[in-house]
Amino acid sequence: MELELLSSKQVFVTTALVFATIFVACTSKQTLEDPPIITSATYQHTLYNGRGQPIEATASKEGAPLPVITYFRSEEDLHADRNGSSKAPAEVGDYYVRIRRPAGNGYRAGKDITVEYHIQKALVTISAEARQEFAYNGSPRTVVFSVDQNVEPGVAYYHAASVMRGFPLSGPPVERGIYRVVISYAGDAHHMGASKEVELVIR
């Protein structure tokens, strides 16, 4: 009799454990939340600044796992999942970016998001007064200008009448007169070209 009672208790305990396990599993599944929405434009661009520049991507829910961002140099590499890097690119070029939303912290995994990312050449701005006047002193007179990037423009001086014919002087002018000055930068792998014209007057 005692043996039968013991067996009944074991069966009861075993059954209770099974139901408890099922209940916990069901409850766990029910408490999983949808993956966070990622706020990120699918086409992004920025200008070269010499440093790694990550895309803009923000998860909508606090506590959700951080999105995993991978950069690829081509769409083919993205689809093949090869040559990816978690390091934000710095060089001028076109990139394809995968934003992955992993599961964790009570959230389900989400579908991957793809972003086209372009790092463009930096703009170069040459600043100078449009008309610059100097008094004759027997020495060459050079225009005053500044550049907002770490580049060195070329400066060409012309007699005002010859500017359209393209015959620059050998250097800054000395004699009295009106001159046209072209400050220009042709551009490089990281910077766009720019130019500025100035009227130089020696009185």
N, C-alpha and C. Protein backbone atom coordinates (compact mmCIF):
# COMPACT_ATOMS: atom_id res chain seq x y z
N MET A 1 0.84 -1.21 0.00
CA MET A 1 0.00 0.00 0.00
C MET A 1 0.87 1.25 0.00
N GLU A 2 1.89 1.24 0.85
CA GLU A 2 2.79 2.39 0.91
C GLU A 2 3.53 2.55 -0.40
N LEU A 3 3.88 1.41 -1.03
CA LEU A 3 4.58 1.45 -2.30
C LEU A 3 3.72 2.08 -3.38
N GLU A 4 2.44 1.74 -3.39
CA GLU A 4 1.52 2.31 -4.37
C GLU A 4 1.35 3.81 -4.15
N LEU A 5 1.28 4.23 -2.87
CA LEU A 5 1.13 5.65 -2.56
C LEU A 5 2.36 6.42 -3.01
N LEU A 6 3.54 5.84 -2.79
CA LEU A 6 4.78 6.49 -3.19
C LEU A 6 4.82 6.65 -4.71
N SER A 7 4.41 5.61 -5.43
CA SER A 7 4.41 5.68 -6.89
C SER A 7 3.46 6.76 -7.38
N SER A 8 2.31 6.87 -6.71
CA SER A 8 1.34 7.90 -7.10
C SER A 8 1.91 9.29 -6.90
N LYS A 9 2.63 9.46 -5.78
CA LYS A 9 3.24 10.76 -5.51
C LYS A 9 4.29 11.08 -6.57
N GLN A 10 5.09 10.09 -6.96
CA GLN A 10 6.12 10.31 -7.97
C GLN A 10 5.51 10.71 -9.31
N VAL A 11 4.41 10.01 -9.64
CA VAL A 11 3.73 10.34 -10.89
C VAL A 11 3.20 11.77 -10.85
N PHE A 12 2.63 12.13 -9.70
CA PHE A 12 2.07 13.48 -9.55
C PHE A 12 3.17 14.54 -9.68
N VAL A 13 4.30 14.29 -9.00
CA VAL A 13 5.40 15.26 -9.06
C VAL A 13 5.95 15.37 -10.46
N THR A 14 6.13 14.23 -11.12
CA THR A 14 6.65 14.23 -12.49
C THR A 14 5.73 14.99 -13.43
N THR A 15 4.43 14.72 -13.28
CA THR A 15 3.44 15.41 -14.12
C THR A 15 3.45 16.91 -13.87
N ALA A 16 3.58 17.28 -12.61
CA ALA A 16 3.61 18.71 -12.26
C ALA A 16 4.82 19.40 -12.88
N LEU A 17 5.98 18.70 -12.83
CA LEU A 17 7.19 19.27 -13.42
C LEU A 17 7.05 19.46 -14.92
N VAL A 18 6.45 18.48 -15.58
CA VAL A 18 6.24 18.58 -17.02
C VAL A 18 5.38 19.78 -17.36
N PHE A 19 4.26 19.93 -16.64
CA PHE A 19 3.37 21.06 -16.90
C PHE A 19 4.04 22.39 -16.59
N ALA A 20 4.85 22.41 -15.53
CA ALA A 20 5.55 23.64 -15.17
C ALA A 20 6.54 24.03 -16.27
N THR A 21 7.25 23.01 -16.80
CA THR A 21 8.20 23.27 -17.88
C THR A 21 7.49 23.81 -19.11
N ILE A 22 6.38 23.20 -19.46
CA ILE A 22 5.60 23.65 -20.61
C ILE A 22 5.10 25.07 -20.39
N PHE A 23 4.63 25.35 -19.18
CA PHE A 23 4.11 26.68 -18.86
C PHE A 23 5.20 27.74 -18.99
N VAL A 24 6.39 27.42 -18.45
CA VAL A 24 7.50 28.37 -18.53
C VAL A 24 7.90 28.61 -19.97
N ALA A 25 7.97 27.52 -20.76
CA ALA A 25 8.34 27.66 -22.16
C ALA A 25 7.33 28.51 -22.91
N CYS A 26 6.05 28.26 -22.68
CA CYS A 26 5.00 29.04 -23.36
C CYS A 26 5.05 30.49 -22.93
N THR A 27 5.24 30.68 -21.61
CA THR A 27 5.29 32.06 -21.09
C THR A 27 6.47 32.80 -21.69
N SER A 28 7.64 32.09 -21.79
CA SER A 28 8.83 32.73 -22.35
C SER A 28 8.59 33.15 -23.79
N LYS A 29 7.93 32.27 -24.55
CA LYS A 29 7.65 32.61 -25.94
C LYS A 29 6.70 33.80 -26.04
N GLN A 30 5.76 33.85 -25.14
CA GLN A 30 4.77 34.93 -25.20
C GLN A 30 5.38 36.27 -24.82
N THR A 31 6.44 36.27 -23.99
CA THR A 31 7.01 37.54 -23.53
C THR A 31 8.05 38.10 -24.50
N LEU A 32 8.46 37.35 -25.51
CA LEU A 32 9.40 37.89 -26.49
C LEU A 32 8.75 39.04 -27.25
N GLU A 33 9.48 40.14 -27.33
CA GLU A 33 8.96 41.32 -28.02
C GLU A 33 9.46 41.36 -29.45
N ASP A 34 8.73 42.10 -30.27
CA ASP A 34 9.14 42.27 -31.65
C ASP A 34 10.50 42.98 -31.71
N PRO A 35 11.28 42.73 -32.74
CA PRO A 35 12.59 43.39 -32.85
C PRO A 35 12.42 44.90 -32.92
N PRO A 36 13.38 45.65 -32.41
CA PRO A 36 13.26 47.11 -32.44
C PRO A 36 13.31 47.64 -33.87
N ILE A 37 12.60 48.72 -34.10
CA ILE A 37 12.66 49.39 -35.39
C ILE A 37 13.97 50.17 -35.47
N ILE A 38 14.67 50.04 -36.57
CA ILE A 38 15.92 50.77 -36.76
C ILE A 38 15.63 52.01 -37.59
N THR A 39 15.93 53.16 -37.01
CA THR A 39 15.77 54.42 -37.74
C THR A 39 17.07 54.69 -38.49
N SER A 40 17.02 54.49 -39.80
CA SER A 40 18.20 54.69 -40.62
C SER A 40 17.77 54.86 -42.07
N ALA A 41 18.17 55.95 -42.69
CA ALA A 41 17.85 56.15 -44.10
C ALA A 41 18.55 55.08 -44.93
N THR A 42 17.87 54.59 -45.95
CA THR A 42 18.46 53.53 -46.77
C THR A 42 19.47 54.07 -47.78
N TYR A 43 19.56 55.39 -47.90
CA TYR A 43 20.58 56.03 -48.74
C TYR A 43 21.20 57.15 -47.92
N GLN A 44 22.50 57.02 -47.65
CA GLN A 44 23.17 58.03 -46.85
C GLN A 44 24.47 58.45 -47.53
N HIS A 45 24.82 59.71 -47.32
CA HIS A 45 26.10 60.18 -47.86
C HIS A 45 26.71 61.20 -46.92
N THR A 46 28.01 61.32 -46.97
CA THR A 46 28.72 62.29 -46.17
C THR A 46 29.96 62.71 -46.95
N LEU A 47 30.68 63.70 -46.43
CA LEU A 47 31.87 64.21 -47.10
C LEU A 47 33.13 63.70 -46.39
N TYR A 48 34.15 63.47 -47.15
CA TYR A 48 35.42 62.99 -46.63
C TYR A 48 35.98 63.96 -45.59
N ASN A 49 36.48 63.41 -44.47
CA ASN A 49 37.14 64.25 -43.47
C ASN A 49 38.40 63.59 -42.91
N GLY A 50 38.81 62.47 -43.53
CA GLY A 50 40.03 61.81 -43.10
C GLY A 50 39.85 60.83 -41.96
N ARG A 51 38.64 60.72 -41.43
CA ARG A 51 38.38 59.82 -40.31
C ARG A 51 37.27 58.83 -40.68
N GLY A 52 37.21 57.70 -39.96
CA GLY A 52 36.13 56.76 -40.16
C GLY A 52 34.80 57.38 -39.79
N GLN A 53 33.80 57.20 -40.64
CA GLN A 53 32.50 57.83 -40.43
C GLN A 53 31.39 56.78 -40.49
N PRO A 54 30.84 56.40 -39.35
CA PRO A 54 29.77 55.39 -39.34
C PRO A 54 28.47 55.95 -39.89
N ILE A 55 27.61 55.05 -40.36
CA ILE A 55 26.28 55.47 -40.80
C ILE A 55 25.45 55.85 -39.58
N GLU A 56 24.33 56.51 -39.82
CA GLU A 56 23.41 56.85 -38.75
C GLU A 56 22.36 55.74 -38.63
N ALA A 57 22.29 55.13 -37.45
CA ALA A 57 21.32 54.06 -37.21
C ALA A 57 21.00 54.03 -35.72
N THR A 58 19.70 54.11 -35.40
CA THR A 58 19.26 54.15 -34.01
C THR A 58 18.15 53.13 -33.78
N ALA A 59 18.29 52.34 -32.72
CA ALA A 59 17.25 51.37 -32.35
C ALA A 59 16.14 52.09 -31.58
N SER A 60 14.88 51.68 -31.83
CA SER A 60 13.74 52.40 -31.26
C SER A 60 13.45 52.02 -29.81
N LYS A 61 14.04 50.93 -29.32
CA LYS A 61 13.72 50.46 -27.98
C LYS A 61 14.98 50.33 -27.13
N GLU A 62 14.92 50.87 -25.93
CA GLU A 62 16.05 50.73 -25.02
C GLU A 62 16.09 49.31 -24.47
N GLY A 63 17.30 48.83 -24.25
CA GLY A 63 17.44 47.48 -23.71
C GLY A 63 17.54 46.40 -24.76
N ALA A 64 17.19 46.73 -26.00
CA ALA A 64 17.31 45.76 -27.08
C ALA A 64 18.78 45.59 -27.45
N PRO A 65 19.16 44.42 -27.96
CA PRO A 65 20.56 44.24 -28.37
C PRO A 65 20.97 45.28 -29.40
N LEU A 66 22.19 45.75 -29.32
CA LEU A 66 22.67 46.73 -30.27
C LEU A 66 22.70 46.13 -31.68
N PRO A 67 22.32 46.90 -32.68
CA PRO A 67 22.40 46.37 -34.05
C PRO A 67 23.84 46.10 -34.44
N VAL A 68 24.05 45.08 -35.24
CA VAL A 68 25.38 44.72 -35.72
C VAL A 68 25.53 45.30 -37.13
N ILE A 69 26.47 46.22 -37.30
CA ILE A 69 26.63 46.93 -38.56
C ILE A 69 27.90 46.46 -39.26
N THR A 70 27.75 46.06 -40.51
CA THR A 70 28.89 45.56 -41.30
C THR A 70 28.95 46.32 -42.62
N TYR A 71 30.16 46.77 -42.98
CA TYR A 71 30.38 47.56 -44.20
C TYR A 71 31.02 46.69 -45.28
N PHE A 72 30.50 46.82 -46.51
CA PHE A 72 31.03 46.09 -47.66
C PHE A 72 31.36 47.07 -48.77
N ARG A 73 32.38 46.75 -49.58
CA ARG A 73 32.78 47.64 -50.66
C ARG A 73 31.96 47.45 -51.93
N SER A 74 31.18 46.38 -52.02
CA SER A 74 30.37 46.17 -53.21
C SER A 74 29.09 45.44 -52.83
N GLU A 75 28.09 45.55 -53.71
CA GLU A 75 26.84 44.85 -53.48
C GLU A 75 27.03 43.34 -53.58
N GLU A 76 27.97 42.91 -54.43
CA GLU A 76 28.25 41.48 -54.55
C GLU A 76 28.81 40.93 -53.25
N ASP A 77 29.73 41.67 -52.63
CA ASP A 77 30.28 41.22 -51.35
C ASP A 77 29.21 41.17 -50.27
N LEU A 78 28.28 42.11 -50.31
CA LEU A 78 27.19 42.12 -49.34
C LEU A 78 26.36 40.85 -49.46
N HIS A 79 25.96 40.52 -50.67
CA HIS A 79 25.11 39.34 -50.87
C HIS A 79 25.86 38.04 -50.57
N ALA A 80 27.17 38.05 -50.82
CA ALA A 80 27.97 36.85 -50.56
C ALA A 80 28.48 36.81 -49.12
N ASP A 81 28.23 37.88 -48.37
CA ASP A 81 28.70 37.98 -46.98
C ASP A 81 30.20 37.73 -46.88
N ARG A 82 30.97 38.48 -47.68
CA ARG A 82 32.42 38.32 -47.66
C ARG A 82 33.08 39.70 -47.62
N ASN A 83 34.29 39.73 -47.09
CA ASN A 83 35.10 40.95 -47.02
C ASN A 83 34.39 42.08 -46.28
N GLY A 84 33.52 41.74 -45.35
CA GLY A 84 32.85 42.77 -44.55
C GLY A 84 33.72 43.25 -43.42
N SER A 85 33.42 44.43 -42.92
CA SER A 85 34.19 45.01 -41.81
C SER A 85 33.25 45.76 -40.88
N SER A 86 33.51 45.62 -39.60
CA SER A 86 32.72 46.37 -38.62
C SER A 86 33.27 47.78 -38.43
N LYS A 87 34.43 48.05 -39.03
CA LYS A 87 35.07 49.35 -38.90
C LYS A 87 34.47 50.33 -39.91
N ALA A 88 34.07 51.49 -39.43
CA ALA A 88 33.48 52.50 -40.32
C ALA A 88 34.52 52.98 -41.33
N PRO A 89 34.15 53.11 -42.61
CA PRO A 89 35.11 53.51 -43.63
C PRO A 89 35.48 54.98 -43.55
N ALA A 90 36.67 55.29 -44.07
CA ALA A 90 37.14 56.68 -44.11
C ALA A 90 37.38 57.16 -45.53
N GLU A 91 37.64 56.24 -46.46
CA GLU A 91 38.01 56.63 -47.81
C GLU A 91 36.79 57.01 -48.66
N VAL A 92 37.03 57.87 -49.63
CA VAL A 92 35.99 58.23 -50.60
C VAL A 92 35.59 56.98 -51.38
N GLY A 93 34.29 56.76 -51.54
CA GLY A 93 33.82 55.60 -52.29
C GLY A 93 32.39 55.25 -51.96
N ASP A 94 31.92 54.18 -52.60
CA ASP A 94 30.56 53.69 -52.39
C ASP A 94 30.62 52.43 -51.55
N TYR A 95 29.70 52.34 -50.58
CA TYR A 95 29.68 51.21 -49.66
C TYR A 95 28.25 50.68 -49.54
N TYR A 96 28.18 49.40 -49.21
CA TYR A 96 26.89 48.76 -48.91
C TYR A 96 26.96 48.26 -47.48
N VAL A 97 25.95 48.62 -46.72
CA VAL A 97 25.99 48.37 -45.27
C VAL A 97 24.83 47.46 -44.87
N ARG A 98 25.16 46.47 -44.05
CA ARG A 98 24.12 45.58 -43.53
C ARG A 98 23.92 45.88 -42.05
N ILE A 99 22.66 46.12 -41.69
CA ILE A 99 22.30 46.31 -40.28
C ILE A 99 21.56 45.05 -39.84
N ARG A 100 22.15 44.34 -38.91
CA ARG A 100 21.55 43.08 -38.43
C ARG A 100 20.99 43.30 -37.03
N ARG A 101 19.74 42.81 -36.82
CA ARG A 101 19.09 42.95 -35.52
C ARG A 101 19.05 41.59 -34.82
N PRO A 102 20.00 41.33 -33.92
CA PRO A 102 20.06 40.02 -33.28
C PRO A 102 19.00 39.86 -32.20
N ALA A 103 18.70 38.60 -31.87
CA ALA A 103 17.78 38.31 -30.77
C ALA A 103 18.53 38.46 -29.45
N GLY A 104 17.76 38.67 -28.39
CA GLY A 104 18.36 38.78 -27.06
C GLY A 104 17.62 39.77 -26.20
N ASN A 105 17.80 39.64 -24.90
CA ASN A 105 17.17 40.54 -23.93
C ASN A 105 15.65 40.57 -24.08
N GLY A 106 15.08 39.45 -24.47
CA GLY A 106 13.63 39.38 -24.59
C GLY A 106 13.09 39.84 -25.93
N TYR A 107 13.96 40.05 -26.92
CA TYR A 107 13.53 40.51 -28.24
C TYR A 107 13.80 39.43 -29.29
N ARG A 108 12.93 39.36 -30.27
CA ARG A 108 13.15 38.47 -31.40
C ARG A 108 14.17 39.09 -32.36
N ALA A 109 14.80 38.24 -33.16
CA ALA A 109 15.69 38.74 -34.20
C ALA A 109 14.85 39.38 -35.31
N GLY A 110 15.40 40.39 -35.95
CA GLY A 110 14.69 41.06 -37.04
C GLY A 110 15.36 40.84 -38.38
N LYS A 111 14.68 41.18 -39.44
CA LYS A 111 15.25 41.05 -40.77
C LYS A 111 16.38 42.06 -40.95
N ASP A 112 17.36 41.69 -41.76
CA ASP A 112 18.48 42.59 -42.04
C ASP A 112 18.00 43.80 -42.83
N ILE A 113 18.68 44.91 -42.61
CA ILE A 113 18.40 46.16 -43.33
C ILE A 113 19.65 46.52 -44.14
N THR A 114 19.46 46.93 -45.38
CA THR A 114 20.59 47.31 -46.24
C THR A 114 20.58 48.81 -46.49
N VAL A 115 21.75 49.42 -46.39
CA VAL A 115 21.91 50.86 -46.59
C VAL A 115 22.99 51.10 -47.65
N GLU A 116 22.69 51.96 -48.61
CA GLU A 116 23.71 52.43 -49.55
C GLU A 116 24.38 53.65 -48.93
N TYR A 117 25.70 53.60 -48.87
CA TYR A 117 26.44 54.64 -48.16
C TYR A 117 27.53 55.18 -49.09
N HIS A 118 27.58 56.49 -49.22
CA HIS A 118 28.54 57.11 -50.13
C HIS A 118 29.36 58.17 -49.37
N ILE A 119 30.66 58.02 -49.44
CA ILE A 119 31.55 59.05 -48.90
C ILE A 119 32.08 59.84 -50.10
N GLN A 120 31.72 61.10 -50.17
CA GLN A 120 32.06 61.93 -51.32
C GLN A 120 33.28 62.79 -51.03
N LYS A 121 33.87 63.31 -52.09
CA LYS A 121 35.03 64.18 -51.93
C LYS A 121 34.64 65.44 -51.15
N ALA A 122 35.58 65.90 -50.34
CA ALA A 122 35.33 67.11 -49.55
C ALA A 122 35.32 68.34 -50.45
N LEU A 123 34.46 69.27 -50.13
CA LEU A 123 34.42 70.54 -50.85
C LEU A 123 35.61 71.41 -50.43
N VAL A 124 36.12 72.15 -51.36
CA VAL A 124 37.22 73.09 -51.09
C VAL A 124 36.70 74.49 -51.36
N THR A 125 36.82 75.35 -50.38
CA THR A 125 36.37 76.74 -50.53
C THR A 125 37.57 77.68 -50.44
N ILE A 126 37.75 78.47 -51.49
CA ILE A 126 38.81 79.47 -51.52
C ILE A 126 38.17 80.83 -51.23
N SER A 127 38.64 81.50 -50.22
CA SER A 127 38.09 82.80 -49.82
C SER A 127 39.10 83.91 -50.10
N ALA A 128 38.62 84.98 -50.73
CA ALA A 128 39.48 86.12 -51.03
C ALA A 128 38.62 87.32 -51.38
N GLU A 129 39.10 88.49 -51.08
CA GLU A 129 38.43 89.72 -51.51
C GLU A 129 38.45 89.78 -53.03
N ALA A 130 37.30 90.14 -53.62
CA ALA A 130 37.20 90.15 -55.08
C ALA A 130 38.11 91.21 -55.71
N ARG A 131 38.37 92.30 -55.01
CA ARG A 131 39.26 93.36 -55.52
C ARG A 131 40.27 93.71 -54.43
N GLN A 132 41.53 93.61 -54.75
CA GLN A 132 42.58 93.91 -53.79
C GLN A 132 43.51 94.97 -54.37
N GLU A 133 43.73 96.04 -53.61
CA GLU A 133 44.54 97.16 -54.08
C GLU A 133 45.81 97.31 -53.25
N PHE A 134 46.89 97.63 -53.94
CA PHE A 134 48.18 97.83 -53.28
C PHE A 134 48.85 99.08 -53.86
N ALA A 135 49.66 99.73 -53.05
CA ALA A 135 50.46 100.86 -53.54
C ALA A 135 51.76 100.32 -54.11
N TYR A 136 52.22 100.94 -55.18
CA TYR A 136 53.48 100.52 -55.82
C TYR A 136 54.63 100.74 -54.85
N ASN A 137 55.48 99.70 -54.71
CA ASN A 137 56.67 99.85 -53.87
C ASN A 137 57.90 99.18 -54.49
N GLY A 138 57.75 98.76 -55.75
CA GLY A 138 58.89 98.15 -56.43
C GLY A 138 59.06 96.66 -56.14
N SER A 139 58.17 96.10 -55.32
CA SER A 139 58.25 94.67 -54.99
C SER A 139 57.02 93.94 -55.53
N PRO A 140 57.12 92.64 -55.77
CA PRO A 140 55.95 91.88 -56.24
C PRO A 140 54.81 91.96 -55.24
N ARG A 141 53.60 92.03 -55.78
CA ARG A 141 52.40 92.08 -54.94
C ARG A 141 51.60 90.78 -55.15
N THR A 142 51.32 90.11 -54.06
CA THR A 142 50.58 88.85 -54.14
C THR A 142 49.21 89.00 -53.50
N VAL A 143 48.25 88.28 -54.03
CA VAL A 143 46.90 88.34 -53.48
C VAL A 143 46.86 87.62 -52.13
N VAL A 144 45.89 88.03 -51.34
CA VAL A 144 45.68 87.41 -50.02
C VAL A 144 44.45 86.52 -50.12
N PHE A 145 44.59 85.26 -49.71
CA PHE A 145 43.45 84.34 -49.76
C PHE A 145 43.62 83.27 -48.68
N SER A 146 42.57 82.52 -48.46
CA SER A 146 42.61 81.41 -47.50
C SER A 146 41.85 80.23 -48.07
N VAL A 147 42.17 79.04 -47.56
CA VAL A 147 41.52 77.80 -48.01
C VAL A 147 41.06 77.04 -46.77
N ASP A 148 39.86 76.46 -46.84
CA ASP A 148 39.31 75.78 -45.67
C ASP A 148 39.75 74.32 -45.55
N GLN A 149 40.55 73.83 -46.51
CA GLN A 149 41.07 72.46 -46.43
C GLN A 149 42.59 72.49 -46.47
N ASN A 150 43.18 71.36 -46.12
CA ASN A 150 44.64 71.28 -46.10
C ASN A 150 45.18 70.96 -47.50
N VAL A 151 44.97 71.89 -48.41
CA VAL A 151 45.44 71.75 -49.79
C VAL A 151 46.13 73.05 -50.19
N GLU A 152 46.92 72.98 -51.27
CA GLU A 152 47.65 74.15 -51.74
C GLU A 152 47.23 74.50 -53.16
N PRO A 153 46.39 75.50 -53.32
CA PRO A 153 45.98 75.92 -54.68
C PRO A 153 47.15 76.57 -55.42
N GLY A 154 47.03 76.58 -56.75
CA GLY A 154 47.97 77.33 -57.55
C GLY A 154 47.45 78.73 -57.79
N VAL A 155 48.35 79.67 -57.99
CA VAL A 155 47.97 81.07 -58.23
C VAL A 155 48.61 81.54 -59.52
N ALA A 156 47.77 82.02 -60.45
CA ALA A 156 48.27 82.51 -61.74
C ALA A 156 47.87 83.98 -61.91
N TYR A 157 48.85 84.81 -62.33
CA TYR A 157 48.62 86.24 -62.52
C TYR A 157 48.61 86.55 -64.01
N TYR A 158 47.65 87.40 -64.41
CA TYR A 158 47.51 87.78 -65.81
C TYR A 158 47.37 89.30 -65.91
N HIS A 159 47.87 89.87 -67.02
CA HIS A 159 47.46 91.23 -67.35
C HIS A 159 45.97 91.19 -67.62
N ALA A 160 45.26 92.20 -67.22
CA ALA A 160 43.80 92.19 -67.35
C ALA A 160 43.36 91.94 -68.79
N ALA A 161 44.09 92.46 -69.75
CA ALA A 161 43.69 92.32 -71.15
C ALA A 161 44.00 90.93 -71.71
N SER A 162 44.90 90.18 -71.05
CA SER A 162 45.32 88.89 -71.61
C SER A 162 44.70 87.70 -70.91
N VAL A 163 43.81 87.94 -69.95
CA VAL A 163 43.30 86.82 -69.16
C VAL A 163 42.57 85.80 -70.02
N MET A 164 41.87 86.24 -71.06
CA MET A 164 41.12 85.32 -71.90
C MET A 164 42.03 84.54 -72.84
N ARG A 165 43.23 85.06 -73.09
CA ARG A 165 44.14 84.37 -74.01
C ARG A 165 45.00 83.36 -73.27
N GLY A 166 44.98 83.40 -71.94
CA GLY A 166 45.65 82.38 -71.16
C GLY A 166 47.15 82.46 -71.11
N PHE A 167 47.72 83.69 -71.07
CA PHE A 167 49.16 83.84 -70.94
C PHE A 167 49.48 84.39 -69.56
N PRO A 168 49.77 83.54 -68.60
CA PRO A 168 50.05 84.04 -67.26
C PRO A 168 51.43 84.68 -67.17
N LEU A 169 51.59 85.57 -66.21
CA LEU A 169 52.89 86.16 -65.94
C LEU A 169 53.77 85.11 -65.27
N SER A 170 55.05 85.39 -65.24
CA SER A 170 55.99 84.44 -64.63
C SER A 170 55.90 84.44 -63.10
N GLY A 171 55.23 85.43 -62.54
CA GLY A 171 55.09 85.52 -61.10
C GLY A 171 54.22 86.70 -60.72
N PRO A 172 54.10 87.01 -59.45
CA PRO A 172 53.29 88.16 -59.03
C PRO A 172 53.80 89.46 -59.67
N PRO A 173 52.88 90.36 -60.03
CA PRO A 173 53.28 91.59 -60.73
C PRO A 173 53.96 92.59 -59.80
N VAL A 174 54.78 93.45 -60.46
CA VAL A 174 55.50 94.50 -59.73
C VAL A 174 55.00 95.88 -60.17
N GLU A 175 54.77 96.04 -61.47
CA GLU A 175 54.44 97.35 -62.03
C GLU A 175 52.99 97.75 -61.76
N ARG A 176 52.75 99.05 -61.84
CA ARG A 176 51.40 99.56 -61.68
C ARG A 176 50.50 99.00 -62.79
N GLY A 177 49.25 98.77 -62.43
CA GLY A 177 48.32 98.26 -63.42
C GLY A 177 47.21 97.45 -62.78
N ILE A 178 46.36 96.92 -63.65
CA ILE A 178 45.25 96.09 -63.21
C ILE A 178 45.51 94.67 -63.69
N TYR A 179 45.39 93.74 -62.79
CA TYR A 179 45.70 92.34 -63.10
C TYR A 179 44.53 91.44 -62.69
N ARG A 180 44.45 90.35 -63.38
CA ARG A 180 43.49 89.30 -63.01
C ARG A 180 44.27 88.14 -62.40
N VAL A 181 43.74 87.63 -61.30
CA VAL A 181 44.42 86.53 -60.61
C VAL A 181 43.45 85.36 -60.50
N VAL A 182 43.92 84.19 -60.89
CA VAL A 182 43.11 82.98 -60.78
C VAL A 182 43.75 82.06 -59.74
N ILE A 183 43.00 81.83 -58.68
CA ILE A 183 43.44 80.90 -57.63
C ILE A 183 42.67 79.61 -57.85
N SER A 184 43.36 78.51 -58.07
CA SER A 184 42.65 77.29 -58.42
C SER A 184 43.30 76.05 -57.81
N TYR A 185 42.44 75.06 -57.58
CA TYR A 185 42.91 73.76 -57.12
C TYR A 185 42.21 72.70 -57.97
N ALA A 186 42.98 71.82 -58.57
CA ALA A 186 42.43 70.85 -59.52
C ALA A 186 41.67 69.71 -58.85
N GLY A 187 41.90 69.50 -57.56
CA GLY A 187 41.26 68.40 -56.86
C GLY A 187 42.18 67.19 -56.78
N ASP A 188 41.82 66.24 -55.93
CA ASP A 188 42.60 65.01 -55.79
C ASP A 188 41.65 63.88 -55.39
N ALA A 189 42.20 62.80 -54.89
CA ALA A 189 41.38 61.63 -54.55
C ALA A 189 40.41 61.91 -53.41
N HIS A 190 40.68 62.94 -52.63
CA HIS A 190 39.86 63.23 -51.45
C HIS A 190 39.13 64.56 -51.51
N HIS A 191 39.53 65.44 -52.42
CA HIS A 191 38.97 66.79 -52.45
C HIS A 191 38.50 67.15 -53.86
N MET A 192 37.44 67.94 -53.91
CA MET A 192 36.94 68.45 -55.18
C MET A 192 37.77 69.66 -55.59
N GLY A 193 37.70 69.99 -56.87
CA GLY A 193 38.41 71.16 -57.36
C GLY A 193 37.67 72.45 -57.01
N ALA A 194 38.40 73.54 -57.05
CA ALA A 194 37.80 74.85 -56.73
C ALA A 194 38.63 75.95 -57.39
N SER A 195 38.00 77.10 -57.62
CA SER A 195 38.73 78.24 -58.19
C SER A 195 38.10 79.55 -57.72
N LYS A 196 38.90 80.58 -57.77
CA LYS A 196 38.44 81.91 -57.37
C LYS A 196 39.21 82.94 -58.19
N GLU A 197 38.51 83.94 -58.71
CA GLU A 197 39.16 85.00 -59.46
C GLU A 197 39.18 86.30 -58.64
N VAL A 198 40.30 86.99 -58.75
CA VAL A 198 40.49 88.23 -57.98
C VAL A 198 41.04 89.30 -58.92
N GLU A 199 40.59 90.52 -58.72
CA GLU A 199 41.17 91.66 -59.45
C GLU A 199 42.22 92.30 -58.56
N LEU A 200 43.43 92.35 -59.06
CA LEU A 200 44.55 92.93 -58.32
C LEU A 200 44.95 94.27 -58.95
N VAL A 201 45.00 95.31 -58.12
CA VAL A 201 45.32 96.66 -58.62
C VAL A 201 46.55 97.15 -57.90
N ILE A 202 47.54 97.58 -58.69
CA ILE A 202 48.73 98.22 -58.12
C ILE A 202 48.68 99.68 -58.54
N ARG A 203 48.57 100.59 -57.56
CA ARG A 203 48.42 102.02 -57.83
C ARG A 203 49.78 102.74 -57.82
